Amino acid sequence: MEFIRGFIDVVSVFVLPAIIVGFPLYGLIKKVPVYEEFVEGAKEGFNVAVMIIPYLVAILFAIGMFRASGALDFLIDGLRPLMTAVGIPPEIIPMAIVRPLTGSGSAAIVLDMINEFGEDSILVKMAATMFGSTETTFYVLAVYFGAVNIRKTRHAVPVGLIADGAAMILAVFVVRLLFG
């Protein structure tokens, strides 16, 4: 177990620098005008950002209403016995519920947990691992599908939620495995 922790510590130091250097270097090797492509992508990104503003406002409004109405607390109370039975701490239920909806809301939950349990708590590590290994599924679908005018999401919602659920369960068990 100590070997795995040491390996993860060493690898994590090199991942971000390898990405930052690796992509431009790969582009140069393939003779791609890296800077020009970067600028062109940034221009497209700005146009997409302007197009998605209405969808962004709608999803943020819906999330605010969900939390302010008390529905989130009601849902948490209903799920508490099931989560406890399968070995998932009830304290991270808010993270599991809010993460598929909003990044900023889930970041606020992690911050609240840090204030309540301390930054070195296993619960905070579970929530932070969930934050990093899951996606804001409904937000992403609303924004990106809305940007290209897709009205029928077909299998995207169930598949996204299944992936989020699997990542959340794995986050709990991997953190327990690594940090006890």
N, C-alpha and C. Protein backbone atom coordinates (compact mmCIF):
# COMPACT_ATOMS: atom_id res chain seq x y z
N MET A 1 0.82 -1.19 0.00
CA MET A 1 0.00 0.00 0.00
C MET A 1 0.88 1.27 0.00
N GLU A 2 1.95 1.24 0.76
CA GLU A 2 2.84 2.39 0.83
C GLU A 2 3.51 2.64 -0.53
N PHE A 3 3.78 1.56 -1.27
CA PHE A 3 4.35 1.69 -2.60
C PHE A 3 3.40 2.43 -3.53
N ILE A 4 2.11 2.09 -3.45
CA ILE A 4 1.10 2.73 -4.31
C ILE A 4 1.02 4.21 -3.99
N ARG A 5 1.00 4.54 -2.71
CA ARG A 5 0.95 5.96 -2.32
C ARG A 5 2.17 6.71 -2.82
N GLY A 6 3.35 6.12 -2.67
CA GLY A 6 4.58 6.76 -3.15
C GLY A 6 4.58 6.94 -4.66
N PHE A 7 4.10 5.92 -5.36
CA PHE A 7 4.03 5.99 -6.82
C PHE A 7 3.09 7.12 -7.26
N ILE A 8 1.92 7.21 -6.63
CA ILE A 8 0.96 8.26 -6.96
C ILE A 8 1.55 9.64 -6.66
N ASP A 9 2.28 9.77 -5.56
CA ASP A 9 2.91 11.05 -5.22
C ASP A 9 3.92 11.47 -6.29
N VAL A 10 4.74 10.53 -6.76
CA VAL A 10 5.76 10.84 -7.76
C VAL A 10 5.11 11.18 -9.11
N VAL A 11 4.16 10.35 -9.54
CA VAL A 11 3.53 10.56 -10.84
C VAL A 11 2.76 11.89 -10.87
N SER A 12 2.08 12.22 -9.77
CA SER A 12 1.27 13.45 -9.74
C SER A 12 2.11 14.71 -9.91
N VAL A 13 3.36 14.66 -9.54
CA VAL A 13 4.24 15.83 -9.70
C VAL A 13 4.52 16.10 -11.18
N PHE A 14 4.56 15.06 -12.00
CA PHE A 14 4.97 15.20 -13.39
C PHE A 14 3.83 15.30 -14.39
N VAL A 15 2.60 15.02 -13.99
CA VAL A 15 1.50 14.96 -14.96
C VAL A 15 1.24 16.33 -15.60
N LEU A 16 1.01 17.35 -14.81
CA LEU A 16 0.68 18.67 -15.36
C LEU A 16 1.82 19.25 -16.21
N PRO A 17 3.07 19.24 -15.73
CA PRO A 17 4.15 19.74 -16.61
C PRO A 17 4.27 18.94 -17.91
N ALA A 18 4.03 17.64 -17.85
CA ALA A 18 4.11 16.82 -19.08
C ALA A 18 3.03 17.24 -20.07
N ILE A 19 1.84 17.55 -19.58
CA ILE A 19 0.76 17.99 -20.47
C ILE A 19 1.08 19.36 -21.06
N ILE A 20 1.53 20.28 -20.21
CA ILE A 20 1.82 21.65 -20.66
C ILE A 20 2.92 21.67 -21.70
N VAL A 21 3.91 20.85 -21.54
CA VAL A 21 5.01 20.80 -22.50
C VAL A 21 4.70 19.82 -23.64
N GLY A 22 4.01 18.74 -23.32
CA GLY A 22 3.78 17.67 -24.29
C GLY A 22 2.94 18.06 -25.48
N PHE A 23 1.81 18.73 -25.26
CA PHE A 23 0.94 19.07 -26.38
C PHE A 23 1.61 20.03 -27.37
N PRO A 24 2.17 21.13 -26.92
CA PRO A 24 2.86 22.00 -27.90
C PRO A 24 4.03 21.30 -28.60
N LEU A 25 4.76 20.49 -27.87
CA LEU A 25 5.88 19.76 -28.46
C LEU A 25 5.38 18.78 -29.53
N TYR A 26 4.30 18.07 -29.23
CA TYR A 26 3.71 17.15 -30.21
C TYR A 26 3.25 17.92 -31.46
N GLY A 27 2.64 19.08 -31.25
CA GLY A 27 2.21 19.91 -32.37
C GLY A 27 3.38 20.36 -33.23
N LEU A 28 4.46 20.75 -32.59
CA LEU A 28 5.65 21.17 -33.33
C LEU A 28 6.25 20.01 -34.13
N ILE A 29 6.26 18.82 -33.53
CA ILE A 29 6.79 17.65 -34.23
C ILE A 29 5.95 17.35 -35.46
N LYS A 30 4.63 17.51 -35.35
CA LYS A 30 3.72 17.25 -36.47
C LYS A 30 3.62 18.45 -37.42
N LYS A 31 4.42 19.49 -37.17
CA LYS A 31 4.47 20.69 -38.00
C LYS A 31 3.14 21.44 -38.05
N VAL A 32 2.47 21.49 -36.90
CA VAL A 32 1.22 22.24 -36.75
C VAL A 32 1.59 23.63 -36.24
N PRO A 33 1.04 24.70 -36.83
CA PRO A 33 1.31 26.04 -36.29
C PRO A 33 0.60 26.20 -34.94
N VAL A 34 1.26 25.82 -33.87
CA VAL A 34 0.66 25.68 -32.55
C VAL A 34 0.05 27.00 -32.07
N TYR A 35 0.77 28.08 -32.15
CA TYR A 35 0.25 29.35 -31.64
C TYR A 35 -0.97 29.80 -32.42
N GLU A 36 -0.90 29.71 -33.74
CA GLU A 36 -2.02 30.13 -34.58
C GLU A 36 -3.27 29.30 -34.29
N GLU A 37 -3.09 27.99 -34.12
CA GLU A 37 -4.21 27.11 -33.79
C GLU A 37 -4.79 27.44 -32.41
N PHE A 38 -3.91 27.77 -31.48
CA PHE A 38 -4.35 28.16 -30.14
C PHE A 38 -5.21 29.43 -30.21
N VAL A 39 -4.76 30.42 -30.94
CA VAL A 39 -5.51 31.68 -31.08
C VAL A 39 -6.84 31.43 -31.77
N GLU A 40 -6.86 30.61 -32.81
CA GLU A 40 -8.10 30.29 -33.51
C GLU A 40 -9.09 29.59 -32.58
N GLY A 41 -8.59 28.68 -31.78
CA GLY A 41 -9.45 27.99 -30.80
C GLY A 41 -9.99 28.94 -29.76
N ALA A 42 -9.18 29.89 -29.33
CA ALA A 42 -9.64 30.88 -28.36
C ALA A 42 -10.75 31.75 -28.95
N LYS A 43 -10.63 32.12 -30.24
CA LYS A 43 -11.69 32.89 -30.90
C LYS A 43 -13.00 32.11 -30.93
N GLU A 44 -12.92 30.83 -31.29
CA GLU A 44 -14.12 29.98 -31.33
C GLU A 44 -14.71 29.84 -29.93
N GLY A 45 -13.84 29.70 -28.94
CA GLY A 45 -14.30 29.56 -27.56
C GLY A 45 -15.08 30.78 -27.10
N PHE A 46 -14.65 31.96 -27.51
CA PHE A 46 -15.37 33.18 -27.13
C PHE A 46 -16.76 33.19 -27.75
N ASN A 47 -16.86 32.81 -29.02
CA ASN A 47 -18.17 32.77 -29.69
C ASN A 47 -19.11 31.76 -29.03
N VAL A 48 -18.58 30.61 -28.66
CA VAL A 48 -19.39 29.60 -27.98
C VAL A 48 -19.84 30.13 -26.62
N ALA A 49 -18.95 30.81 -25.90
CA ALA A 49 -19.31 31.36 -24.59
C ALA A 49 -20.48 32.33 -24.69
N VAL A 50 -20.49 33.16 -25.72
CA VAL A 50 -21.60 34.10 -25.92
C VAL A 50 -22.89 33.34 -26.23
N MET A 51 -22.80 32.29 -27.03
CA MET A 51 -24.00 31.52 -27.40
C MET A 51 -24.62 30.77 -26.22
N ILE A 52 -23.80 30.34 -25.25
CA ILE A 52 -24.33 29.50 -24.18
C ILE A 52 -24.83 30.28 -22.97
N ILE A 53 -24.69 31.60 -22.98
CA ILE A 53 -25.11 32.38 -21.81
C ILE A 53 -26.56 32.13 -21.41
N PRO A 54 -27.53 32.09 -22.33
CA PRO A 54 -28.91 31.82 -21.88
C PRO A 54 -29.07 30.46 -21.20
N TYR A 55 -28.40 29.44 -21.71
CA TYR A 55 -28.47 28.11 -21.11
C TYR A 55 -27.81 28.09 -19.74
N LEU A 56 -26.72 28.80 -19.62
CA LEU A 56 -26.01 28.91 -18.35
C LEU A 56 -26.88 29.58 -17.29
N VAL A 57 -27.53 30.66 -17.64
CA VAL A 57 -28.41 31.36 -16.71
C VAL A 57 -29.56 30.44 -16.28
N ALA A 58 -30.12 29.71 -17.23
CA ALA A 58 -31.25 28.82 -16.91
C ALA A 58 -30.83 27.72 -15.93
N ILE A 59 -29.70 27.08 -16.16
CA ILE A 59 -29.29 25.98 -15.28
C ILE A 59 -28.91 26.50 -13.90
N LEU A 60 -28.25 27.65 -13.83
CA LEU A 60 -27.89 28.21 -12.53
C LEU A 60 -29.14 28.62 -11.75
N PHE A 61 -30.13 29.14 -12.44
CA PHE A 61 -31.39 29.50 -11.79
C PHE A 61 -32.08 28.26 -11.24
N ALA A 62 -32.13 27.20 -12.04
CA ALA A 62 -32.79 25.96 -11.60
C ALA A 62 -32.08 25.37 -10.38
N ILE A 63 -30.78 25.40 -10.37
CA ILE A 63 -30.02 24.86 -9.23
C ILE A 63 -30.27 25.70 -7.98
N GLY A 64 -30.29 27.00 -8.14
CA GLY A 64 -30.58 27.88 -7.01
C GLY A 64 -31.96 27.62 -6.42
N MET A 65 -32.94 27.41 -7.30
CA MET A 65 -34.30 27.10 -6.84
C MET A 65 -34.34 25.76 -6.11
N PHE A 66 -33.61 24.77 -6.62
CA PHE A 66 -33.57 23.44 -6.00
C PHE A 66 -33.04 23.51 -4.58
N ARG A 67 -31.96 24.26 -4.40
CA ARG A 67 -31.37 24.39 -3.06
C ARG A 67 -32.23 25.24 -2.14
N ALA A 68 -32.74 26.36 -2.66
CA ALA A 68 -33.51 27.28 -1.82
C ALA A 68 -34.86 26.71 -1.41
N SER A 69 -35.42 25.82 -2.21
CA SER A 69 -36.74 25.26 -1.91
C SER A 69 -36.71 24.24 -0.77
N GLY A 70 -35.53 23.76 -0.43
CA GLY A 70 -35.43 22.72 0.58
C GLY A 70 -35.48 21.32 0.00
N ALA A 71 -35.64 21.22 -1.32
CA ALA A 71 -35.71 19.91 -1.98
C ALA A 71 -34.40 19.13 -1.82
N LEU A 72 -33.28 19.83 -1.82
CA LEU A 72 -31.99 19.16 -1.63
C LEU A 72 -31.93 18.51 -0.25
N ASP A 73 -32.33 19.23 0.78
CA ASP A 73 -32.32 18.66 2.14
C ASP A 73 -33.27 17.48 2.25
N PHE A 74 -34.43 17.58 1.62
CA PHE A 74 -35.41 16.49 1.63
C PHE A 74 -34.83 15.25 0.96
N LEU A 75 -34.17 15.43 -0.17
CA LEU A 75 -33.56 14.32 -0.90
C LEU A 75 -32.43 13.69 -0.09
N ILE A 76 -31.63 14.50 0.55
CA ILE A 76 -30.54 14.00 1.39
C ILE A 76 -31.09 13.14 2.52
N ASP A 77 -32.13 13.61 3.19
CA ASP A 77 -32.73 12.85 4.29
C ASP A 77 -33.28 11.51 3.80
N GLY A 78 -33.85 11.49 2.61
CA GLY A 78 -34.38 10.25 2.05
C GLY A 78 -33.31 9.25 1.67
N LEU A 79 -32.15 9.73 1.22
CA LEU A 79 -31.08 8.84 0.78
C LEU A 79 -30.16 8.38 1.91
N ARG A 80 -30.20 9.05 3.02
CA ARG A 80 -29.28 8.75 4.13
C ARG A 80 -29.27 7.27 4.53
N PRO A 81 -30.42 6.61 4.76
CA PRO A 81 -30.37 5.19 5.17
C PRO A 81 -29.75 4.27 4.10
N LEU A 82 -30.07 4.51 2.85
CA LEU A 82 -29.52 3.68 1.77
C LEU A 82 -28.01 3.84 1.68
N MET A 83 -27.53 5.06 1.74
CA MET A 83 -26.09 5.32 1.63
C MET A 83 -25.33 4.69 2.80
N THR A 84 -25.88 4.80 3.99
CA THR A 84 -25.25 4.21 5.16
C THR A 84 -25.17 2.70 5.00
N ALA A 85 -26.23 2.09 4.47
CA ALA A 85 -26.27 0.64 4.30
C ALA A 85 -25.21 0.13 3.33
N VAL A 86 -24.87 0.90 2.31
CA VAL A 86 -23.87 0.46 1.33
C VAL A 86 -22.46 0.94 1.66
N GLY A 87 -22.30 1.60 2.79
CA GLY A 87 -20.96 1.99 3.23
C GLY A 87 -20.49 3.35 2.77
N ILE A 88 -21.39 4.16 2.29
CA ILE A 88 -21.03 5.51 1.87
C ILE A 88 -21.42 6.47 2.99
N PRO A 89 -20.45 7.25 3.49
CA PRO A 89 -20.77 8.15 4.61
C PRO A 89 -21.86 9.15 4.25
N PRO A 90 -22.86 9.30 5.10
CA PRO A 90 -23.96 10.24 4.81
C PRO A 90 -23.50 11.69 4.65
N GLU A 91 -22.36 12.02 5.23
CA GLU A 91 -21.86 13.40 5.15
C GLU A 91 -21.50 13.83 3.74
N ILE A 92 -21.27 12.89 2.84
CA ILE A 92 -20.91 13.28 1.47
C ILE A 92 -22.09 13.20 0.51
N ILE A 93 -23.28 12.91 1.02
CA ILE A 93 -24.47 12.87 0.17
C ILE A 93 -24.70 14.21 -0.55
N PRO A 94 -24.56 15.35 0.13
CA PRO A 94 -24.76 16.61 -0.61
C PRO A 94 -23.83 16.74 -1.82
N MET A 95 -22.60 16.27 -1.68
CA MET A 95 -21.66 16.34 -2.80
C MET A 95 -22.13 15.45 -3.94
N ALA A 96 -22.59 14.24 -3.61
CA ALA A 96 -23.04 13.30 -4.63
C ALA A 96 -24.28 13.83 -5.36
N ILE A 97 -25.10 14.59 -4.67
CA ILE A 97 -26.32 15.12 -5.31
C ILE A 97 -26.03 16.37 -6.13
N VAL A 98 -25.22 17.27 -5.59
CA VAL A 98 -25.01 18.57 -6.22
C VAL A 98 -24.00 18.51 -7.36
N ARG A 99 -23.02 17.61 -7.29
CA ARG A 99 -21.96 17.58 -8.30
C ARG A 99 -22.47 17.44 -9.74
N PRO A 100 -23.43 16.55 -10.03
CA PRO A 100 -23.91 16.49 -11.43
C PRO A 100 -24.63 17.76 -11.89
N LEU A 101 -24.98 18.62 -10.95
CA LEU A 101 -25.73 19.83 -11.29
C LEU A 101 -24.84 21.05 -11.51
N THR A 102 -23.87 21.24 -10.63
CA THR A 102 -23.10 22.49 -10.68
C THR A 102 -21.69 22.32 -10.12
N GLY A 103 -20.73 22.92 -10.79
CA GLY A 103 -19.35 22.91 -10.31
C GLY A 103 -19.15 23.84 -9.13
N SER A 104 -19.70 25.05 -9.23
CA SER A 104 -19.51 26.02 -8.14
C SER A 104 -20.25 25.59 -6.88
N GLY A 105 -21.43 24.99 -7.03
CA GLY A 105 -22.17 24.50 -5.88
C GLY A 105 -21.43 23.36 -5.19
N SER A 106 -20.85 22.46 -5.98
CA SER A 106 -20.11 21.36 -5.38
C SER A 106 -18.79 21.84 -4.77
N ALA A 107 -18.18 22.86 -5.35
CA ALA A 107 -16.99 23.45 -4.73
C ALA A 107 -17.34 24.08 -3.39
N ALA A 108 -18.50 24.70 -3.31
CA ALA A 108 -18.95 25.29 -2.04
C ALA A 108 -19.19 24.20 -1.00
N ILE A 109 -19.70 23.05 -1.43
CA ILE A 109 -19.91 21.95 -0.50
C ILE A 109 -18.58 21.43 0.03
N VAL A 110 -17.58 21.30 -0.84
CA VAL A 110 -16.25 20.87 -0.38
C VAL A 110 -15.70 21.88 0.62
N LEU A 111 -15.86 23.17 0.34
CA LEU A 111 -15.39 24.20 1.26
C LEU A 111 -16.10 24.11 2.61
N ASP A 112 -17.42 23.91 2.59
CA ASP A 112 -18.16 23.73 3.83
C ASP A 112 -17.66 22.52 4.61
N MET A 113 -17.37 21.44 3.89
CA MET A 113 -16.86 20.23 4.55
C MET A 113 -15.47 20.46 5.14
N ILE A 114 -14.65 21.23 4.44
CA ILE A 114 -13.32 21.56 4.98
C ILE A 114 -13.47 22.33 6.28
N ASN A 115 -14.39 23.30 6.29
CA ASN A 115 -14.61 24.08 7.51
C ASN A 115 -15.17 23.23 8.65
N GLU A 116 -16.01 22.26 8.32
CA GLU A 116 -16.64 21.43 9.35
C GLU A 116 -15.75 20.30 9.84
N PHE A 117 -15.07 19.60 8.90
CA PHE A 117 -14.32 18.40 9.27
C PHE A 117 -12.80 18.57 9.24
N GLY A 118 -12.30 19.66 8.67
CA GLY A 118 -10.86 19.86 8.54
C GLY A 118 -10.36 19.36 7.19
N GLU A 119 -9.33 20.01 6.66
CA GLU A 119 -8.88 19.70 5.31
C GLU A 119 -8.23 18.34 5.18
N ASP A 120 -7.84 17.71 6.27
CA ASP A 120 -7.19 16.41 6.20
C ASP A 120 -8.14 15.26 6.51
N SER A 121 -9.42 15.58 6.65
CA SER A 121 -10.43 14.57 6.97
C SER A 121 -10.64 13.62 5.79
N ILE A 122 -10.91 12.37 6.11
CA ILE A 122 -11.18 11.39 5.05
C ILE A 122 -12.45 11.75 4.28
N LEU A 123 -13.42 12.38 4.95
CA LEU A 123 -14.64 12.80 4.28
C LEU A 123 -14.35 13.88 3.24
N VAL A 124 -13.48 14.82 3.58
CA VAL A 124 -13.10 15.87 2.64
C VAL A 124 -12.33 15.28 1.47
N LYS A 125 -11.47 14.31 1.76
CA LYS A 125 -10.73 13.65 0.68
C LYS A 125 -11.68 12.92 -0.27
N MET A 126 -12.72 12.29 0.28
CA MET A 126 -13.71 11.63 -0.57
C MET A 126 -14.45 12.64 -1.43
N ALA A 127 -14.88 13.74 -0.81
CA ALA A 127 -15.61 14.77 -1.56
C ALA A 127 -14.72 15.41 -2.62
N ALA A 128 -13.47 15.67 -2.30
CA ALA A 128 -12.55 16.27 -3.26
C ALA A 128 -12.25 15.31 -4.42
N THR A 129 -12.15 14.02 -4.11
CA THR A 129 -11.93 13.03 -5.15
C THR A 129 -13.16 12.94 -6.05
N MET A 130 -14.35 13.01 -5.46
CA MET A 130 -15.58 13.06 -6.26
C MET A 130 -15.58 14.28 -7.16
N PHE A 131 -15.17 15.41 -6.61
CA PHE A 131 -15.14 16.66 -7.37
C PHE A 131 -14.25 16.52 -8.60
N GLY A 132 -13.11 15.90 -8.42
CA GLY A 132 -12.16 15.77 -9.52
C GLY A 132 -12.45 14.65 -10.49
N SER A 133 -13.23 13.66 -10.07
CA SER A 133 -13.42 12.49 -10.94
C SER A 133 -14.82 12.40 -11.55
N THR A 134 -15.65 13.38 -11.29
CA THR A 134 -16.99 13.37 -11.87
C THR A 134 -17.20 14.63 -12.70
N GLU A 135 -18.33 14.68 -13.36
CA GLU A 135 -18.63 15.81 -14.23
C GLU A 135 -19.92 16.47 -13.78
N THR A 136 -20.07 17.71 -14.13
CA THR A 136 -21.32 18.43 -13.89
C THR A 136 -22.26 18.09 -15.05
N THR A 137 -22.78 16.90 -15.03
CA THR A 137 -23.48 16.29 -16.17
C THR A 137 -24.61 17.16 -16.71
N PHE A 138 -25.52 17.57 -15.85
CA PHE A 138 -26.66 18.36 -16.32
C PHE A 138 -26.22 19.71 -16.86
N TYR A 139 -25.26 20.32 -16.21
CA TYR A 139 -24.72 21.60 -16.66
C TYR A 139 -24.10 21.45 -18.05
N VAL A 140 -23.25 20.45 -18.20
CA VAL A 140 -22.56 20.23 -19.47
C VAL A 140 -23.57 19.95 -20.58
N LEU A 141 -24.53 19.08 -20.29
CA LEU A 141 -25.52 18.75 -21.32
C LEU A 141 -26.36 19.98 -21.70
N ALA A 142 -26.76 20.76 -20.69
CA ALA A 142 -27.56 21.95 -20.98
C ALA A 142 -26.77 22.95 -21.82
N VAL A 143 -25.52 23.15 -21.44
CA VAL A 143 -24.71 24.16 -22.13
C VAL A 143 -24.30 23.69 -23.52
N TYR A 144 -23.71 22.52 -23.62
CA TYR A 144 -23.18 22.08 -24.92
C TYR A 144 -24.26 21.64 -25.88
N PHE A 145 -25.26 20.92 -25.39
CA PHE A 145 -26.34 20.54 -26.28
C PHE A 145 -27.12 21.79 -26.70
N GLY A 146 -27.28 22.73 -25.77
CA GLY A 146 -27.96 23.97 -26.11
C GLY A 146 -27.19 24.79 -27.12
N ALA A 147 -25.87 24.76 -27.04
CA ALA A 147 -25.04 25.55 -27.96
C ALA A 147 -25.17 25.07 -29.39
N VAL A 148 -25.46 23.79 -29.58
CA VAL A 148 -25.59 23.27 -30.94
C VAL A 148 -27.03 22.88 -31.26
N ASN A 149 -27.97 23.37 -30.45
CA ASN A 149 -29.41 23.18 -30.67
C ASN A 149 -29.87 21.73 -30.69
N ILE A 150 -29.30 20.90 -29.83
CA ILE A 150 -29.78 19.52 -29.70
C ILE A 150 -30.87 19.53 -28.63
N ARG A 151 -32.05 19.10 -28.97
CA ARG A 151 -33.18 19.10 -28.04
C ARG A 151 -33.39 17.75 -27.37
N LYS A 152 -33.09 16.66 -28.06
CA LYS A 152 -33.28 15.32 -27.52
C LYS A 152 -31.91 14.76 -27.12
N THR A 153 -31.73 14.55 -25.83
CA THR A 153 -30.43 14.11 -25.32
C THR A 153 -30.22 12.61 -25.46
N ARG A 154 -31.28 11.88 -25.75
CA ARG A 154 -31.26 10.43 -25.94
C ARG A 154 -30.58 9.72 -24.78
N HIS A 155 -29.42 9.13 -24.98
CA HIS A 155 -28.76 8.34 -23.94
C HIS A 155 -27.74 9.14 -23.13
N ALA A 156 -27.54 10.39 -23.47
CA ALA A 156 -26.49 11.18 -22.82
C ALA A 156 -26.72 11.34 -21.33
N VAL A 157 -27.94 11.61 -20.90
CA VAL A 157 -28.21 11.81 -19.47
C VAL A 157 -28.00 10.53 -18.68
N PRO A 158 -28.61 9.40 -19.07
CA PRO A 158 -28.38 8.18 -18.28
C PRO A 158 -26.91 7.76 -18.25
N VAL A 159 -26.24 7.85 -19.38
CA VAL A 159 -24.83 7.43 -19.42
C VAL A 159 -23.98 8.35 -18.55
N GLY A 160 -24.22 9.65 -18.63
CA GLY A 160 -23.48 10.59 -17.79
C GLY A 160 -23.71 10.34 -16.31
N LEU A 161 -24.94 10.08 -15.93
CA LEU A 161 -25.24 9.83 -14.51
C LEU A 161 -24.68 8.49 -14.04
N ILE A 162 -24.69 7.48 -14.90
CA ILE A 162 -24.08 6.20 -14.53
C ILE A 162 -22.58 6.38 -14.32
N ALA A 163 -21.93 7.14 -15.21
CA ALA A 163 -20.49 7.40 -15.07
C ALA A 163 -20.22 8.18 -13.79
N ASP A 164 -21.04 9.18 -13.49
CA ASP A 164 -20.88 9.95 -12.24
C ASP A 164 -21.06 9.05 -11.03
N GLY A 165 -22.09 8.21 -11.06
CA GLY A 165 -22.34 7.31 -9.92
C GLY A 165 -21.18 6.36 -9.70
N ALA A 166 -20.67 5.78 -10.77
CA ALA A 166 -19.53 4.86 -10.65
C ALA A 166 -18.31 5.59 -10.10
N ALA A 167 -18.06 6.80 -10.59
CA ALA A 167 -16.90 7.57 -10.11
C ALA A 167 -17.06 7.93 -8.63
N MET A 168 -18.28 8.26 -8.21
CA MET A 168 -18.51 8.61 -6.81
C MET A 168 -18.29 7.41 -5.89
N ILE A 169 -18.81 6.26 -6.29
CA ILE A 169 -18.62 5.05 -5.48
C ILE A 169 -17.14 4.68 -5.42
N LEU A 170 -16.48 4.74 -6.57
CA LEU A 170 -15.05 4.45 -6.59
C LEU A 170 -14.25 5.45 -5.76
N ALA A 171 -14.66 6.71 -5.78
CA ALA A 171 -13.97 7.73 -4.98
C ALA A 171 -13.99 7.35 -3.50
N VAL A 172 -15.15 6.92 -3.03
CA VAL A 172 -15.27 6.53 -1.62
C VAL A 172 -14.34 5.36 -1.31
N PHE A 173 -14.39 4.33 -2.16
CA PHE A 173 -13.62 3.13 -1.86
C PHE A 173 -12.12 3.31 -2.09
N VAL A 174 -11.73 4.07 -3.09
CA VAL A 174 -10.30 4.32 -3.32
C VAL A 174 -9.71 5.18 -2.19
N VAL A 175 -10.45 6.20 -1.77
CA VAL A 175 -9.95 7.03 -0.66
C VAL A 175 -9.84 6.18 0.61
N ARG A 176 -10.83 5.32 0.85
CA ARG A 176 -10.74 4.42 2.03
C ARG A 176 -9.53 3.51 1.90
N LEU A 177 -9.26 3.01 0.69
CA LEU A 177 -8.13 2.12 0.47
C LEU A 177 -6.81 2.85 0.71
N LEU A 178 -6.69 4.06 0.19
CA LEU A 178 -5.42 4.78 0.29
C LEU A 178 -5.22 5.48 1.63
N PHE A 179 -6.29 5.96 2.24
CA PHE A 179 -6.14 6.79 3.44
C PHE A 179 -6.78 6.19 4.68
N GLY A 180 -7.36 5.02 4.53
CA GLY A 180 -7.82 4.26 5.67
C GLY A 180 -9.10 4.54 6.28
